[in-house]
């Protein structure tokens, strides 16, 4: 009896989910084309695709209650309460969000790629190294003495960076040393 009362709502929900899956498919294709064009590694591609999936999941959580007849004022009350609690928690970890946002921006418009040798012009601690990996929160740099330095993504947009050499990773590790 329950399913008969909400038969149309379930059909509309299925339609919305199918449309969102199709949108996800096309966005992931665009991300793949952009990454191949810019030579971005597979781990970063999967990270961006995961972000797209989460964003579309949140959109579906916003749309589906309206299909079942929930009033906007009820959702506003629910989400304002939830976002107030989340906002307080996120304010405490704003640097993490800043690094994630910077990681997303770096995916689409970062002029350097894995394997490039760069120099970060930091007044207190200048760093010169080869980009080993670009992750959601930080950049992994291999410096000359072999140490691995993690550098926060948000600082990459705040400091001047010079490209020393493109694809320097091949020359630096030509002895077959495994980077990871």
N, C-alpha and C. Protein backbone atom coordinates (compact mmCIF):
# COMPACT_ATOMS: atom_id res chain seq x y z
N UNK A 1 0.82 -1.19 0.00
CA UNK A 1 0.00 0.00 0.00
C UNK A 1 0.87 1.26 0.00
N UNK A 2 1.98 1.20 0.74
CA UNK A 2 2.87 2.36 0.84
C UNK A 2 3.42 2.75 -0.53
N UNK A 3 3.84 1.74 -1.30
CA UNK A 3 4.42 2.01 -2.61
C UNK A 3 3.39 2.53 -3.60
N UNK A 4 2.14 2.10 -3.46
CA UNK A 4 1.09 2.58 -4.35
C UNK A 4 0.78 4.05 -4.09
N UNK A 5 0.85 4.47 -2.83
CA UNK A 5 0.58 5.86 -2.50
C UNK A 5 1.66 6.80 -3.04
N UNK A 6 2.87 6.30 -3.14
CA UNK A 6 4.00 7.13 -3.57
C UNK A 6 4.62 6.65 -4.88
N UNK A 7 3.83 5.99 -5.70
CA UNK A 7 4.34 5.43 -6.94
C UNK A 7 4.93 6.50 -7.85
N UNK A 8 4.26 7.60 -8.04
CA UNK A 8 4.76 8.67 -8.91
C UNK A 8 6.03 9.31 -8.34
N UNK A 9 6.07 9.45 -7.03
CA UNK A 9 7.24 10.04 -6.41
C UNK A 9 8.48 9.17 -6.60
N UNK A 10 8.29 7.83 -6.50
CA UNK A 10 9.42 6.94 -6.72
C UNK A 10 9.88 6.98 -8.18
N UNK A 11 8.96 7.10 -9.10
CA UNK A 11 9.31 7.21 -10.52
C UNK A 11 10.10 8.49 -10.76
N UNK A 12 9.62 9.62 -10.19
CA UNK A 12 10.34 10.89 -10.34
C UNK A 12 11.71 10.83 -9.70
N UNK A 13 11.80 10.17 -8.56
CA UNK A 13 13.09 10.03 -7.89
C UNK A 13 14.06 9.22 -8.76
N UNK A 14 13.57 8.15 -9.35
CA UNK A 14 14.41 7.36 -10.26
C UNK A 14 14.86 8.18 -11.45
N UNK A 15 13.96 8.99 -11.98
CA UNK A 15 14.31 9.86 -13.11
C UNK A 15 15.40 10.85 -12.72
N UNK A 16 15.25 11.48 -11.55
CA UNK A 16 16.25 12.44 -11.08
C UNK A 16 17.61 11.76 -10.89
N UNK A 17 17.60 10.57 -10.30
CA UNK A 17 18.86 9.86 -10.08
C UNK A 17 19.53 9.49 -11.40
N UNK A 18 18.73 9.07 -12.38
CA UNK A 18 19.29 8.74 -13.69
C UNK A 18 19.89 9.98 -14.35
N UNK A 19 19.19 11.10 -14.27
CA UNK A 19 19.70 12.35 -14.85
C UNK A 19 21.01 12.75 -14.16
N UNK A 20 21.05 12.64 -12.84
CA UNK A 20 22.28 13.00 -12.12
C UNK A 20 23.43 12.05 -12.46
N UNK A 21 23.14 10.77 -12.68
CA UNK A 21 24.19 9.83 -13.09
C UNK A 21 24.71 10.15 -14.48
N UNK A 22 23.81 10.57 -15.37
CA UNK A 22 24.24 10.96 -16.72
C UNK A 22 25.11 12.22 -16.64
N UNK A 23 24.70 13.18 -15.82
CA UNK A 23 25.50 14.40 -15.62
C UNK A 23 26.87 14.03 -15.07
N UNK A 24 26.89 13.12 -14.09
CA UNK A 24 28.17 12.67 -13.50
C UNK A 24 29.06 12.05 -14.57
N UNK A 25 28.47 11.23 -15.43
CA UNK A 25 29.23 10.59 -16.50
C UNK A 25 29.89 11.63 -17.41
N UNK A 26 29.11 12.64 -17.84
CA UNK A 26 29.65 13.65 -18.75
C UNK A 26 30.70 14.53 -18.06
N UNK A 27 30.47 14.88 -16.80
CA UNK A 27 31.46 15.70 -16.08
C UNK A 27 32.76 14.91 -15.92
N UNK A 28 32.65 13.61 -15.61
CA UNK A 28 33.85 12.79 -15.48
C UNK A 28 34.60 12.67 -16.81
N UNK A 29 33.86 12.62 -17.92
CA UNK A 29 34.50 12.61 -19.24
C UNK A 29 35.27 13.91 -19.47
N UNK A 30 34.67 15.04 -19.11
CA UNK A 30 35.33 16.34 -19.27
C UNK A 30 36.59 16.40 -18.40
N UNK A 31 36.49 15.92 -17.18
CA UNK A 31 37.66 15.89 -16.30
C UNK A 31 38.75 15.02 -16.91
N UNK A 32 38.37 13.88 -17.48
CA UNK A 32 39.35 13.01 -18.14
C UNK A 32 40.03 13.68 -19.32
N UNK A 33 39.26 14.40 -20.13
CA UNK A 33 39.85 15.09 -21.29
C UNK A 33 40.79 16.21 -20.84
N UNK A 34 40.38 16.98 -19.85
CA UNK A 34 41.24 18.06 -19.34
C UNK A 34 42.52 17.48 -18.76
N UNK A 35 42.41 16.38 -18.04
CA UNK A 35 43.60 15.80 -17.41
C UNK A 35 44.55 15.20 -18.44
N UNK A 36 44.02 14.57 -19.48
CA UNK A 36 44.90 14.04 -20.53
C UNK A 36 45.61 15.16 -21.27
N UNK A 37 44.88 16.24 -21.51
CA UNK A 37 45.46 17.38 -22.21
C UNK A 37 46.59 18.01 -21.40
N UNK A 38 46.45 18.04 -20.07
CA UNK A 38 47.43 18.69 -19.21
C UNK A 38 48.42 17.71 -18.58
N UNK A 39 48.31 16.41 -18.87
CA UNK A 39 49.25 15.44 -18.34
C UNK A 39 49.12 15.21 -16.83
N UNK A 40 47.89 15.19 -16.34
CA UNK A 40 47.64 15.03 -14.90
C UNK A 40 47.59 13.54 -14.59
N UNK A 41 48.15 13.16 -13.42
CA UNK A 41 48.21 11.74 -13.10
C UNK A 41 46.85 11.20 -12.66
N UNK A 42 46.74 9.89 -12.67
CA UNK A 42 45.47 9.19 -12.47
C UNK A 42 44.91 9.39 -11.06
N UNK A 43 45.76 9.51 -10.06
CA UNK A 43 45.27 9.69 -8.69
C UNK A 43 44.51 11.00 -8.55
N UNK A 44 45.01 12.05 -9.18
CA UNK A 44 44.31 13.34 -9.12
C UNK A 44 43.00 13.30 -9.90
N UNK A 45 42.98 12.54 -10.99
CA UNK A 45 41.75 12.39 -11.76
C UNK A 45 40.67 11.74 -10.89
N UNK A 46 41.03 10.66 -10.21
CA UNK A 46 40.07 9.97 -9.36
C UNK A 46 39.60 10.86 -8.21
N UNK A 47 40.48 11.69 -7.68
CA UNK A 47 40.11 12.60 -6.60
C UNK A 47 39.06 13.60 -7.09
N UNK A 48 39.27 14.18 -8.25
CA UNK A 48 38.29 15.14 -8.79
C UNK A 48 36.97 14.45 -9.11
N UNK A 49 37.03 13.23 -9.61
CA UNK A 49 35.80 12.50 -9.90
C UNK A 49 35.04 12.18 -8.61
N UNK A 50 35.76 11.92 -7.55
CA UNK A 50 35.12 11.69 -6.25
C UNK A 50 34.43 12.96 -5.76
N UNK A 51 35.07 14.11 -5.95
CA UNK A 51 34.45 15.38 -5.57
C UNK A 51 33.15 15.61 -6.35
N UNK A 52 33.16 15.30 -7.63
CA UNK A 52 31.96 15.45 -8.45
C UNK A 52 30.85 14.53 -7.93
N UNK A 53 31.19 13.30 -7.60
CA UNK A 53 30.20 12.35 -7.09
C UNK A 53 29.58 12.84 -5.79
N UNK A 54 30.40 13.35 -4.90
CA UNK A 54 29.88 13.86 -3.62
C UNK A 54 28.98 15.07 -3.85
N UNK A 55 29.38 15.97 -4.72
CA UNK A 55 28.57 17.16 -5.00
C UNK A 55 27.22 16.77 -5.59
N UNK A 56 27.20 15.83 -6.52
CA UNK A 56 25.93 15.40 -7.11
C UNK A 56 25.08 14.63 -6.10
N UNK A 57 25.71 13.90 -5.19
CA UNK A 57 24.96 13.22 -4.13
C UNK A 57 24.26 14.24 -3.23
N UNK A 58 24.97 15.31 -2.89
CA UNK A 58 24.37 16.36 -2.06
C UNK A 58 23.22 17.04 -2.80
N UNK A 59 23.39 17.27 -4.09
CA UNK A 59 22.30 17.84 -4.89
C UNK A 59 21.08 16.93 -4.88
N UNK A 60 21.32 15.62 -5.00
CA UNK A 60 20.19 14.69 -4.98
C UNK A 60 19.49 14.71 -3.62
N UNK A 61 20.26 14.86 -2.54
CA UNK A 61 19.66 14.96 -1.21
C UNK A 61 18.83 16.23 -1.05
N UNK A 62 19.12 17.24 -1.82
CA UNK A 62 18.34 18.47 -1.78
C UNK A 62 17.08 18.37 -2.64
N UNK A 63 17.14 17.64 -3.75
CA UNK A 63 16.01 17.56 -4.68
C UNK A 63 14.95 16.55 -4.24
N UNK A 64 15.37 15.38 -3.79
CA UNK A 64 14.44 14.28 -3.52
C UNK A 64 13.38 14.63 -2.47
N UNK A 65 13.69 15.32 -1.40
CA UNK A 65 12.60 15.66 -0.45
C UNK A 65 11.48 16.49 -1.08
N UNK A 66 11.82 17.34 -2.05
CA UNK A 66 10.77 18.13 -2.71
C UNK A 66 9.85 17.24 -3.54
N UNK A 67 10.39 16.18 -4.09
CA UNK A 67 9.58 15.24 -4.87
C UNK A 67 8.51 14.59 -3.99
N UNK A 68 8.88 14.30 -2.75
CA UNK A 68 7.95 13.64 -1.84
C UNK A 68 7.06 14.63 -1.08
N UNK A 69 7.11 15.90 -1.48
CA UNK A 69 6.17 16.88 -0.94
C UNK A 69 6.63 17.63 0.29
N UNK A 70 7.88 17.58 0.60
CA UNK A 70 8.39 18.33 1.74
C UNK A 70 8.33 19.82 1.42
N UNK A 71 7.92 20.61 2.38
CA UNK A 71 7.84 22.05 2.20
C UNK A 71 9.23 22.67 2.34
N UNK A 72 9.44 23.75 1.62
CA UNK A 72 10.74 24.43 1.65
C UNK A 72 11.07 24.92 3.05
N UNK A 73 10.09 25.40 3.79
CA UNK A 73 10.35 25.92 5.14
C UNK A 73 10.85 24.82 6.07
N UNK A 74 10.37 23.58 5.87
CA UNK A 74 10.83 22.47 6.69
C UNK A 74 12.29 22.14 6.38
N UNK A 75 12.63 22.15 5.11
CA UNK A 75 14.02 21.87 4.72
C UNK A 75 14.96 22.99 5.15
N UNK A 76 14.48 24.22 5.07
CA UNK A 76 15.30 25.35 5.51
C UNK A 76 15.62 25.22 6.98
N UNK A 77 14.64 24.87 7.78
CA UNK A 77 14.87 24.68 9.22
C UNK A 77 15.86 23.55 9.47
N UNK A 78 15.69 22.44 8.79
CA UNK A 78 16.59 21.31 8.96
C UNK A 78 18.02 21.67 8.54
N UNK A 79 18.17 22.22 7.33
CA UNK A 79 19.51 22.52 6.83
C UNK A 79 20.18 23.67 7.57
N UNK A 80 19.40 24.63 8.04
CA UNK A 80 20.03 25.71 8.80
C UNK A 80 20.58 25.18 10.12
N UNK A 81 19.89 24.26 10.73
CA UNK A 81 20.39 23.65 11.97
C UNK A 81 21.64 22.82 11.70
N UNK A 82 21.57 22.00 10.65
CA UNK A 82 22.72 21.16 10.31
C UNK A 82 23.92 22.01 9.92
N UNK A 83 23.70 23.03 9.08
CA UNK A 83 24.81 23.87 8.63
C UNK A 83 25.37 24.72 9.75
N UNK A 84 24.55 25.07 10.74
CA UNK A 84 25.09 25.81 11.88
C UNK A 84 26.09 24.96 12.65
N UNK A 85 25.73 23.71 12.86
CA UNK A 85 26.64 22.80 13.56
C UNK A 85 27.88 22.53 12.71
N UNK A 86 27.67 22.25 11.42
CA UNK A 86 28.80 21.99 10.53
C UNK A 86 29.67 23.24 10.40
N UNK A 87 29.05 24.41 10.29
CA UNK A 87 29.80 25.66 10.15
C UNK A 87 30.72 25.91 11.32
N UNK A 88 30.24 25.65 12.51
CA UNK A 88 31.09 25.82 13.69
C UNK A 88 32.26 24.86 13.63
N UNK A 89 31.99 23.62 13.24
CA UNK A 89 33.07 22.64 13.12
C UNK A 89 34.04 22.98 12.00
N UNK A 90 33.52 23.47 10.88
CA UNK A 90 34.39 23.79 9.75
C UNK A 90 35.20 25.05 9.99
N UNK A 91 34.66 25.96 10.76
CA UNK A 91 35.43 27.16 11.09
C UNK A 91 36.70 26.77 11.84
N UNK A 92 36.58 25.74 12.65
CA UNK A 92 37.74 25.28 13.41
C UNK A 92 38.78 24.63 12.51
N UNK A 93 38.37 24.13 11.34
CA UNK A 93 39.31 23.47 10.44
C UNK A 93 39.35 24.16 9.08
N UNK A 94 39.29 25.48 9.07
CA UNK A 94 39.23 26.23 7.81
C UNK A 94 40.45 25.99 6.94
N UNK A 95 41.61 25.74 7.54
CA UNK A 95 42.81 25.54 6.73
C UNK A 95 42.71 24.25 5.91
N UNK A 96 42.05 23.24 6.46
CA UNK A 96 41.87 22.01 5.71
C UNK A 96 40.99 22.26 4.49
N UNK A 97 39.90 23.01 4.69
CA UNK A 97 39.03 23.35 3.56
C UNK A 97 39.77 24.21 2.54
N UNK A 98 40.61 25.09 3.02
CA UNK A 98 41.40 25.93 2.13
C UNK A 98 42.33 25.07 1.28
N UNK A 99 42.93 24.06 1.88
CA UNK A 99 43.82 23.17 1.14
C UNK A 99 43.05 22.34 0.12
N UNK A 100 41.86 21.87 0.47
CA UNK A 100 41.06 21.09 -0.47
C UNK A 100 40.64 21.96 -1.65
N UNK A 101 40.18 23.19 -1.35
CA UNK A 101 39.78 24.11 -2.42
C UNK A 101 40.97 24.42 -3.32
N UNK A 102 42.11 24.65 -2.72
CA UNK A 102 43.32 24.91 -3.51
C UNK A 102 43.68 23.71 -4.36
N UNK A 103 43.49 22.50 -3.82
CA UNK A 103 43.75 21.29 -4.59
C UNK A 103 42.85 21.18 -5.81
N UNK A 104 41.59 21.59 -5.66
CA UNK A 104 40.67 21.56 -6.80
C UNK A 104 41.09 22.58 -7.84
N UNK A 105 41.44 23.78 -7.39
CA UNK A 105 41.89 24.82 -8.32
C UNK A 105 43.18 24.39 -9.02
N UNK A 106 44.09 23.77 -8.27
CA UNK A 106 45.35 23.31 -8.85
C UNK A 106 45.12 22.24 -9.91
N UNK A 107 44.06 21.44 -9.75
CA UNK A 107 43.76 20.41 -10.74
C UNK A 107 43.50 21.03 -12.10
N UNK A 108 42.77 22.14 -12.13
CA UNK A 108 42.37 22.74 -13.39
C UNK A 108 43.35 23.78 -13.92
N UNK A 109 44.10 24.44 -13.05
CA UNK A 109 44.91 25.56 -13.56
C UNK A 109 46.28 25.66 -12.91
N UNK A 110 46.91 24.56 -12.59
CA UNK A 110 48.24 24.60 -11.99
C UNK A 110 49.27 24.46 -13.11
N UNK A 111 50.20 25.41 -13.24
CA UNK A 111 51.11 25.38 -14.38
C UNK A 111 52.20 24.31 -14.29
N UNK A 112 52.33 23.64 -13.16
CA UNK A 112 53.37 22.63 -12.98
C UNK A 112 52.71 21.27 -12.84
N UNK A 113 53.45 20.21 -13.18
CA UNK A 113 52.91 18.87 -13.06
C UNK A 113 53.90 17.98 -12.33
N UNK A 114 53.47 16.77 -12.05
CA UNK A 114 54.33 15.82 -11.36
C UNK A 114 55.57 15.58 -12.21
N UNK A 115 56.73 15.68 -11.59
CA UNK A 115 57.99 15.48 -12.28
C UNK A 115 58.75 16.77 -12.54
N UNK A 116 58.09 17.92 -12.40
CA UNK A 116 58.76 19.20 -12.62
C UNK A 116 59.56 19.61 -11.39
N UNK A 117 60.69 20.24 -11.63
CA UNK A 117 61.51 20.76 -10.54
C UNK A 117 61.14 22.23 -10.35
N UNK A 118 60.74 22.58 -9.12
CA UNK A 118 60.31 23.94 -8.83
C UNK A 118 61.08 24.50 -7.64
N UNK A 119 61.01 25.80 -7.52
CA UNK A 119 61.56 26.48 -6.35
C UNK A 119 60.45 27.34 -5.77
N UNK A 120 60.20 27.16 -4.47
CA UNK A 120 59.20 27.95 -3.76
C UNK A 120 59.95 29.05 -3.01
N UNK A 121 59.61 30.29 -3.31
CA UNK A 121 60.29 31.44 -2.71
C UNK A 121 59.63 31.82 -1.40
N UNK A 122 60.04 31.14 -0.35
CA UNK A 122 59.55 31.42 0.99
C UNK A 122 60.66 32.12 1.75
N UNK A 123 60.35 33.24 2.36
CA UNK A 123 61.37 34.05 3.05
C UNK A 123 62.07 33.24 4.15
N UNK A 124 61.31 32.51 4.92
CA UNK A 124 61.89 31.77 6.05
C UNK A 124 62.44 30.41 5.67
N UNK A 125 61.83 29.74 4.71
CA UNK A 125 62.23 28.37 4.36
C UNK A 125 62.06 28.13 2.87
N UNK A 126 63.00 28.63 2.05
CA UNK A 126 62.88 28.39 0.61
C UNK A 126 63.10 26.91 0.30
N UNK A 127 62.33 26.41 -0.64
CA UNK A 127 62.39 24.99 -0.98
C UNK A 127 62.59 24.84 -2.48
N UNK A 128 63.50 23.94 -2.84
CA UNK A 128 63.69 23.57 -4.23
C UNK A 128 63.62 22.06 -4.31
N UNK A 129 62.72 21.56 -5.14
CA UNK A 129 62.57 20.12 -5.24
C UNK A 129 61.74 19.72 -6.44
N UNK A 130 61.61 18.42 -6.59
CA UNK A 130 60.85 17.84 -7.70
C UNK A 130 59.47 17.46 -7.17
N UNK A 131 58.43 17.85 -7.91
CA UNK A 131 57.07 17.51 -7.52
C UNK A 131 56.89 16.00 -7.72
N UNK A 132 56.65 15.31 -6.62
CA UNK A 132 56.47 13.87 -6.66
C UNK A 132 55.00 13.50 -6.74
N UNK A 133 54.15 14.29 -6.09
CA UNK A 133 52.72 14.01 -6.10
C UNK A 133 51.97 15.28 -5.72
N UNK A 134 50.77 15.43 -6.25
CA UNK A 134 49.89 16.54 -5.89
C UNK A 134 48.63 15.91 -5.34
N UNK A 135 48.40 16.08 -4.06
CA UNK A 135 47.27 15.44 -3.40
C UNK A 135 46.21 16.47 -3.04
N UNK A 136 45.16 16.02 -2.36
CA UNK A 136 44.05 16.91 -2.02
C UNK A 136 44.47 17.99 -1.03
N UNK A 137 45.39 17.69 -0.11
CA UNK A 137 45.77 18.64 0.93
C UNK A 137 47.14 19.26 0.73
N UNK A 138 48.05 18.51 0.11
CA UNK A 138 49.42 18.99 0.03
C UNK A 138 50.12 18.51 -1.23
N UNK A 139 51.26 19.15 -1.47
CA UNK A 139 52.16 18.81 -2.56
C UNK A 139 53.31 18.01 -1.96
N UNK A 140 53.75 16.96 -2.61
CA UNK A 140 54.92 16.21 -2.14
C UNK A 140 56.11 16.60 -3.00
N UNK A 141 57.12 17.14 -2.36
CA UNK A 141 58.34 17.57 -3.05
C UNK A 141 59.52 16.72 -2.58
N UNK A 142 60.29 16.22 -3.51
CA UNK A 142 61.52 15.47 -3.18
C UNK A 142 62.67 16.44 -3.36
N UNK A 143 63.36 16.77 -2.25
CA UNK A 143 64.47 17.71 -2.31
C UNK A 143 65.76 16.95 -2.59
N UNK A 144 66.84 17.70 -2.85
CA UNK A 144 68.09 17.09 -3.34
C UNK A 144 68.68 16.04 -2.43
N UNK A 145 68.55 16.20 -1.11
CA UNK A 145 69.15 15.21 -0.22
C UNK A 145 68.28 13.95 -0.09
N UNK A 146 67.16 13.88 -0.85
CA UNK A 146 66.30 12.70 -0.86
C UNK A 146 65.13 12.79 0.10
N UNK A 147 65.07 13.82 0.94
CA UNK A 147 63.96 13.96 1.88
C UNK A 147 62.67 14.32 1.15
N UNK A 148 61.56 13.86 1.70
CA UNK A 148 60.25 14.18 1.17
C UNK A 148 59.66 15.32 1.99
N UNK A 149 59.30 16.41 1.31
CA UNK A 149 58.71 17.57 1.97
C UNK A 149 57.26 17.67 1.51
N UNK A 150 56.35 17.79 2.48
CA UNK A 150 54.95 18.04 2.12
C UNK A 150 54.70 19.53 2.30
N UNK A 151 54.09 20.13 1.30
CA UNK A 151 53.85 21.57 1.29
C UNK A 151 52.36 21.81 1.07
N UNK A 152 51.69 22.54 1.96
CA UNK A 152 50.24 22.74 1.85
C UNK A 152 49.84 23.40 0.53
N UNK A 153 48.74 22.92 -0.04
CA UNK A 153 48.26 23.45 -1.32
C UNK A 153 47.95 24.94 -1.26
N UNK A 154 47.35 25.39 -0.15
CA UNK A 154 46.96 26.80 -0.11
C UNK A 154 48.17 27.72 -0.10
N UNK A 155 49.31 27.27 0.37
CA UNK A 155 50.51 28.11 0.36
C UNK A 155 51.11 28.22 -1.05
N UNK A 156 50.78 27.27 -1.92
CA UNK A 156 51.27 27.35 -3.30
C UNK A 156 50.70 28.57 -4.01
N UNK A 157 49.53 29.03 -3.58
CA UNK A 157 48.92 30.22 -4.18
C UNK A 157 49.36 31.50 -3.49
N UNK A 158 50.02 31.37 -2.35
CA UNK A 158 50.45 32.54 -1.60
C UNK A 158 51.93 32.86 -1.79
N UNK A 159 52.69 31.92 -2.29
CA UNK A 159 54.13 32.09 -2.48
C UNK A 159 54.46 32.11 -3.97
N UNK A 160 55.54 32.81 -4.28
CA UNK A 160 56.03 32.80 -5.66
C UNK A 160 56.71 31.46 -5.92
N UNK A 161 56.46 30.90 -7.09
CA UNK A 161 57.03 29.61 -7.47
C UNK A 161 57.69 29.76 -8.83
N UNK A 162 58.92 29.23 -8.94
CA UNK A 162 59.66 29.28 -10.19
C UNK A 162 59.84 27.87 -10.72
N UNK A 163 59.60 27.68 -12.00
CA UNK A 163 59.87 26.40 -12.65
C UNK A 163 61.35 26.34 -12.98
N UNK A 164 62.05 25.40 -12.40
CA UNK A 164 63.49 25.23 -12.64
C UNK A 164 63.70 24.37 -13.89
N UNK A 165 62.97 23.23 -13.94
CA UNK A 165 63.15 22.30 -15.06
C UNK A 165 61.90 21.45 -15.22
N UNK A 166 61.44 21.30 -16.45
CA UNK A 166 60.30 20.42 -16.73
C UNK A 166 60.79 18.97 -16.79
N UNK A 167 59.97 18.07 -16.31
CA UNK A 167 60.25 16.63 -16.33
C UNK A 167 61.63 16.30 -15.77
N UNK A 168 61.98 16.90 -14.67
CA UNK A 168 63.28 16.67 -14.04
C UNK A 168 63.33 15.34 -13.31
N UNK A 169 62.21 14.74 -13.07
CA UNK A 169 62.17 13.50 -12.31
C UNK A 169 62.90 12.38 -13.05
N UNK A 170 62.89 12.40 -14.37
CA UNK A 170 63.55 11.36 -15.15
C UNK A 170 65.06 11.42 -14.96
N UNK A 171 65.62 12.61 -14.95
CA UNK A 171 67.07 12.76 -14.80
C UNK A 171 67.52 12.50 -13.37
N UNK A 172 66.73 12.94 -12.40
CA UNK A 172 67.13 12.83 -11.00
C UNK A 172 67.10 11.39 -10.51
N UNK A 173 66.16 10.59 -11.01
CA UNK A 173 66.02 9.22 -10.54
C UNK A 173 66.28 8.23 -11.67
N UNK A 174 67.27 8.48 -12.51
CA UNK A 174 67.53 7.58 -13.63
C UNK A 174 68.17 6.27 -13.18
N UNK A 175 68.56 6.16 -11.92
CA UNK A 175 69.12 4.91 -11.43
C UNK A 175 68.06 3.88 -11.12
N UNK A 176 66.77 4.23 -11.35
CA UNK A 176 65.68 3.27 -11.12
C UNK A 176 65.12 3.34 -9.73
N UNK A 177 65.51 4.32 -8.94
CA UNK A 177 65.01 4.45 -7.57
C UNK A 177 63.49 4.62 -7.60
N UNK A 178 62.82 3.88 -6.74
CA UNK A 178 61.37 4.00 -6.65
C UNK A 178 61.05 5.20 -5.77
N UNK A 179 60.19 6.10 -6.29
CA UNK A 179 59.89 7.32 -5.56
C UNK A 179 58.98 7.08 -4.38
N UNK A 180 58.13 6.09 -4.47
CA UNK A 180 57.13 5.92 -3.42
C UNK A 180 57.41 4.68 -2.60
